[in-house]
Amino acid sequence: MKIVMIGAGNVATHLASALQNCGYNIVQVFSRTEASAKLLADKLQCSFTNSEDCIQQNADLYLYSVSDNALESVIRAFHYPKGIHIHTAGSIHMDIFRNYTENYGVLYPMQTFSKQKAVDFNSVPIFTEANNVDNLEIINSIARKLSENIYSISSEQRIKLHIAAVFACNFSNHCFRMAHEILEENQLPFYLMLPLIDETVEKLKHLTPEQAQTGPAVRNDQNVLEKHLKALENHPEKQELYRILSTSISDKNKNIEE
């Protein structure tokens, strides 16, 4: 199967490498940024282009891993070749392809990707969708080469899944950043948090998030909450975030008790 990668960012880099390791033939990388296209193409030992007019027309699969806000403009710019067209976005409806090609779908790997760290695709949940049964089987066959965890879901479900992922991953990591800044300001290393973070995640393998919740907000310990808020008075952004999250935790706990 000949595959053209549309995009050369974090997701494209990891996904293209994983596909190549599974025996798929990556024949070309397209990116509007020539340096990015060349960097990934050199890694994959294939051709590259930064021009929509020069994208190969004889591939079996066109895999779009570009930013959500760029996807539609990239799709619009193509002189549409045959083959199956698949995007990897969590929050974009499959029907973005509807007016451009007969064969399309989605292969969404739900994982956080950074170019600096390798990802074991075998454990990554992959969510698939297609505009007909035959295309879904092709996409699922590709997904099964990459991972043991394959789920076929609708665009509507995938968008909700993506929202949940933002809460679970992106917002959590932002809180880690806040913690890092507080520690750094007080000459303390962030690695002190790692056993706590590890145990928090480990508990979620055995408990629901509701059951695993601890801390002053769930205990409604106003003395500690006020002390923390006062200590953050020179950092209004962190103070507001602390207040919002504590109120949310406290309110959720009240609802459970009632």
Protein backbone atom coordinates (compact mmCIF):
# COMPACT_ATOMS: atom_id res chain seq x y z
CA MET A 1 0.00 0.00 0.00
CA LYS A 2 1.46 3.36 -1.08
CA ILE A 3 0.86 6.14 1.44
CA VAL A 4 1.31 9.90 1.10
CA MET A 5 1.66 11.75 4.40
CA ILE A 6 -0.04 15.14 4.41
CA GLY A 7 1.68 16.99 7.24
CA ALA A 8 5.00 16.63 9.02
CA GLY A 9 4.29 17.58 12.63
CA ASN A 10 4.29 15.51 15.81
CA VAL A 11 1.44 13.14 14.90
CA ALA A 12 2.62 12.70 11.31
CA THR A 13 6.17 11.95 12.43
CA HIS A 14 5.16 9.25 14.92
CA LEU A 15 2.43 7.76 12.74
CA ALA A 16 4.51 7.63 9.56
CA SER A 17 7.38 5.93 11.39
CA ALA A 18 5.01 3.41 12.97
CA LEU A 19 3.38 2.64 9.61
CA GLN A 20 6.75 2.18 7.97
CA ASN A 21 7.81 -0.17 10.76
CA CYS A 22 4.65 -2.20 10.01
CA GLY A 23 5.72 -2.61 6.39
CA TYR A 24 3.72 0.17 4.74
CA ASN A 25 5.33 2.12 1.92
CA ILE A 26 5.46 5.86 2.64
CA VAL A 27 6.14 7.30 -0.81
CA GLN A 28 5.93 11.03 -0.13
CA VAL A 29 5.62 13.69 2.57
CA PHE A 30 3.76 16.94 1.93
CA SER A 31 4.01 19.99 4.17
CA ARG A 32 3.60 23.66 3.33
CA THR A 33 6.82 24.16 5.30
CA GLU A 34 9.57 22.75 3.10
CA ALA A 35 12.05 22.23 5.94
CA SER A 36 9.53 20.14 7.91
CA ALA A 37 8.63 18.06 4.86
CA LYS A 38 12.30 17.39 4.11
CA LEU A 39 13.09 16.50 7.73
CA LEU A 40 10.42 13.81 7.89
CA ALA A 41 11.06 12.59 4.34
CA ASP A 42 14.77 12.15 5.12
CA LYS A 43 13.83 10.08 8.15
CA LEU A 44 11.50 7.92 6.05
CA GLN A 45 13.80 7.91 2.99
CA CYS A 46 11.07 9.06 0.62
CA SER A 47 10.32 12.10 -1.56
CA PHE A 48 8.79 15.33 -0.28
CA THR A 49 7.05 18.44 -1.57
CA ASN A 50 5.64 21.70 -0.26
CA SER A 51 3.39 22.20 -3.30
CA GLU A 52 -0.14 20.80 -3.54
CA ASP A 53 0.35 20.55 -7.31
CA CYS A 54 3.23 18.09 -6.86
CA ILE A 55 1.51 15.57 -4.60
CA GLN A 56 1.67 12.08 -6.10
CA GLN A 57 -1.60 11.03 -7.73
CA ASN A 58 -1.15 7.25 -7.67
CA ALA A 59 -1.08 6.49 -3.92
CA ASP A 60 -3.56 4.14 -2.26
CA LEU A 61 -3.91 6.23 0.88
CA TYR A 62 -3.59 9.93 1.73
CA LEU A 63 -3.14 10.43 5.46
CA TYR A 64 -3.78 13.96 6.75
CA SER A 65 -2.01 14.89 10.00
CA VAL A 66 -2.17 18.67 10.02
CA SER A 67 -3.50 21.16 12.56
CA ASP A 68 -7.30 21.27 12.86
CA ASN A 69 -7.49 24.87 11.64
CA ALA A 70 -5.41 24.04 8.53
CA LEU A 71 -7.17 20.82 7.53
CA GLU A 72 -10.01 22.29 5.47
CA SER A 73 -7.76 24.67 3.55
CA VAL A 74 -5.35 21.83 2.73
CA ILE A 75 -8.22 19.63 1.53
CA ARG A 76 -9.60 22.47 -0.62
CA ALA A 77 -6.24 23.08 -2.27
CA PHE A 78 -5.82 19.56 -3.68
CA HIS A 79 -6.48 18.38 -7.24
CA TYR A 80 -8.09 15.33 -5.77
CA PRO A 81 -6.33 12.06 -6.55
CA LYS A 82 -8.01 8.68 -6.21
CA GLY A 83 -7.37 6.53 -3.16
CA ILE A 84 -8.70 6.74 0.38
CA HIS A 85 -8.38 10.03 2.22
CA ILE A 86 -8.08 9.82 6.00
CA HIS A 87 -7.57 12.45 8.65
CA THR A 88 -6.23 11.89 12.17
CA ALA A 89 -7.99 14.71 14.03
CA GLY A 90 -10.01 14.20 17.19
CA SER A 91 -12.40 17.12 16.78
CA ILE A 92 -13.06 17.26 13.01
CA HIS A 93 -16.12 15.55 11.49
CA MET A 94 -15.42 12.85 8.92
CA ASP A 95 -17.68 14.62 6.39
CA ILE A 96 -15.09 17.37 5.87
CA PHE A 97 -14.08 15.21 2.87
CA ARG A 98 -17.61 14.70 1.52
CA ASN A 99 -17.55 17.23 -1.32
CA TYR A 100 -14.05 16.29 -2.49
CA THR A 101 -13.66 12.52 -2.70
CA GLU A 102 -15.69 9.31 -2.77
CA ASN A 103 -13.54 7.37 -0.29
CA TYR A 104 -12.70 8.81 3.10
CA GLY A 105 -12.53 8.23 6.81
CA VAL A 106 -10.73 8.80 10.09
CA LEU A 107 -7.89 7.13 11.98
CA TYR A 108 -7.52 8.96 15.30
CA PRO A 109 -4.74 7.77 17.63
CA MET A 110 -5.63 9.09 21.09
CA GLN A 111 -2.24 9.86 22.55
CA THR A 112 -0.06 12.85 23.34
CA PHE A 113 2.80 13.10 20.84
CA SER A 114 6.09 14.97 21.16
CA LYS A 115 8.88 14.56 18.62
CA GLN A 116 11.41 14.22 21.46
CA LYS A 117 9.84 11.04 22.90
CA ALA A 118 9.05 7.73 21.23
CA VAL A 119 5.55 6.26 21.59
CA ASP A 120 4.67 2.56 21.68
CA PHE A 121 1.74 2.46 19.26
CA ASN A 122 0.81 -1.06 20.30
CA SER A 123 -0.93 0.28 23.42
CA VAL A 124 -2.42 3.43 21.85
CA PRO A 125 -6.23 3.38 21.45
CA ILE A 126 -7.08 4.07 17.81
CA PHE A 127 -10.56 5.27 16.82
CA THR A 128 -11.73 4.70 13.27
CA GLU A 129 -14.59 5.77 11.03
CA ALA A 130 -15.34 5.62 7.30
CA ASN A 131 -18.02 6.59 4.80
CA ASN A 132 -18.72 2.97 3.84
CA VAL A 133 -18.12 -0.57 5.09
CA ASP A 134 -15.33 -1.37 2.63
CA ASN A 135 -13.32 1.72 3.53
CA LEU A 136 -13.83 1.03 7.24
CA GLU A 137 -12.39 -2.46 6.83
CA ILE A 138 -9.32 -1.05 5.05
CA ILE A 139 -8.79 1.58 7.77
CA ASN A 140 -9.32 -1.00 10.52
CA SER A 141 -6.81 -3.35 8.90
CA ILE A 142 -4.22 -0.56 9.01
CA ALA A 143 -5.12 0.30 12.60
CA ARG A 144 -4.81 -3.36 13.66
CA LYS A 145 -1.21 -3.40 12.40
CA LEU A 146 -0.45 -0.45 14.66
CA SER A 147 -2.34 -1.27 17.86
CA GLU A 148 -4.28 -3.92 19.75
CA ASN A 149 -6.90 -1.34 20.81
CA ILE A 150 -9.19 -0.46 17.89
CA TYR A 151 -12.64 1.14 18.25
CA SER A 152 -15.01 2.20 15.47
CA ILE A 153 -17.03 5.20 16.63
CA SER A 154 -19.00 8.08 15.09
CA SER A 155 -17.72 11.62 14.54
CA GLU A 156 -20.01 12.86 17.30
CA GLN A 157 -18.60 10.34 19.78
CA ARG A 158 -15.04 11.15 18.72
CA ILE A 159 -15.51 14.88 19.33
CA LYS A 160 -16.75 14.15 22.88
CA LEU A 161 -13.82 11.76 23.33
CA HIS A 162 -11.46 14.53 22.27
CA ILE A 163 -12.96 16.92 24.84
CA ALA A 164 -12.45 14.29 27.54
CA ALA A 165 -8.85 13.83 26.37
CA VAL A 166 -8.20 17.58 26.67
CA PHE A 167 -9.41 17.50 30.27
CA ALA A 168 -7.45 14.34 31.10
CA CYS A 169 -4.20 15.27 29.35
CA ASN A 170 -3.81 18.90 28.29
CA PHE A 171 -5.44 20.49 31.31
CA SER A 172 -3.64 18.11 33.67
CA ASN A 173 -0.31 18.96 32.05
CA HIS A 174 -1.08 22.67 32.39
CA CYS A 175 -1.58 22.09 36.12
CA PHE A 176 1.79 20.32 36.19
CA ARG A 177 3.26 23.44 34.59
CA MET A 178 1.73 25.60 37.32
CA ALA A 179 3.21 23.28 39.93
CA HIS A 180 6.60 23.45 38.20
CA GLU A 181 6.57 27.26 38.27
CA ILE A 182 5.61 27.37 41.97
CA LEU A 183 8.39 24.93 42.86
CA GLU A 184 10.97 26.67 40.68
CA GLU A 185 10.16 30.02 42.28
CA ASN A 186 10.90 28.46 45.66
CA GLN A 187 14.09 26.67 44.59
CA LEU A 188 12.52 23.21 44.66
CA PRO A 189 12.86 20.62 41.87
CA PHE A 190 9.83 19.36 39.97
CA TYR A 191 10.91 15.72 40.33
CA LEU A 192 9.59 15.90 43.91
CA MET A 193 6.11 15.72 42.35
CA LEU A 194 6.75 12.61 40.26
CA PRO A 195 5.95 9.94 42.91
CA LEU A 196 2.70 11.79 43.65
CA ILE A 197 1.81 12.02 39.96
CA ASP A 198 2.69 8.36 39.42
CA GLU A 199 0.50 7.24 42.32
CA THR A 200 -2.38 9.44 41.14
CA VAL A 201 -2.32 7.77 37.73
CA GLU A 202 -1.76 4.28 39.19
CA LYS A 203 -4.84 4.62 41.39
CA LEU A 204 -6.97 5.28 38.31
CA LYS A 205 -6.27 1.71 37.16
CA HIS A 206 -8.24 0.50 40.18
CA LEU A 207 -10.55 3.36 41.19
CA THR A 208 -12.83 5.83 39.40
CA PRO A 209 -11.63 9.47 39.41
CA GLU A 210 -14.45 10.20 41.84
CA GLN A 211 -13.18 7.55 44.27
CA ALA A 212 -9.56 8.63 43.87
CA GLN A 213 -10.13 12.32 44.62
CA THR A 214 -8.29 13.62 47.69
CA GLY A 215 -7.15 17.03 48.96
CA PRO A 216 -8.48 20.01 50.91
CA ALA A 217 -11.33 20.81 48.48
CA VAL A 218 -12.94 17.36 48.71
CA ARG A 219 -12.62 17.56 52.51
CA ASN A 220 -14.00 21.13 52.45
CA ASP A 221 -11.03 22.20 54.57
CA GLN A 222 -11.58 25.98 54.44
CA ASN A 223 -8.54 26.78 56.59
CA VAL A 224 -6.17 25.14 54.14
CA LEU A 225 -7.99 26.52 51.09
CA GLU A 226 -7.81 30.10 52.40
CA LYS A 227 -4.15 29.68 53.36
CA HIS A 228 -3.31 28.47 49.85
CA LEU A 229 -5.25 31.28 48.21
CA LYS A 230 -3.47 33.86 50.38
CA ALA A 231 -0.09 32.36 49.47
CA LEU A 232 -1.00 32.82 45.79
CA GLU A 233 -2.09 36.46 46.08
CA ASN A 234 0.92 37.64 44.02
CA HIS A 235 -0.06 35.21 41.27
CA PRO A 236 -3.65 36.07 40.33
CA GLU A 237 -3.81 33.61 37.41
CA LYS A 238 -2.80 30.68 39.62
CA GLN A 239 -5.01 31.94 42.44
CA GLU A 240 -8.05 32.06 40.14
CA LEU A 241 -7.31 28.62 38.71
CA TYR A 242 -6.92 27.23 42.23
CA ARG A 243 -10.25 28.78 43.26
CA ILE A 244 -12.14 27.51 40.19
CA LEU A 245 -10.82 23.95 40.49
CA SER A 246 -11.35 23.81 44.26
CA THR A 247 -14.93 25.02 43.88
CA SER A 248 -15.57 22.45 41.17
CA ILE A 249 -14.17 19.63 43.33
CA SER A 250 -16.15 20.79 46.35
CA ASP A 251 -19.39 21.11 44.37
CA LYS A 252 -18.99 17.67 42.84
CA ASN A 253 -18.45 16.19 46.29
CA LYS A 254 -21.59 17.95 47.65
CA ASN A 255 -23.62 16.45 44.81
CA ILE A 256 -22.33 12.98 45.67
CA GLU A 257 -23.16 13.41 49.37
CA GLU A 258 -26.66 14.66 48.57
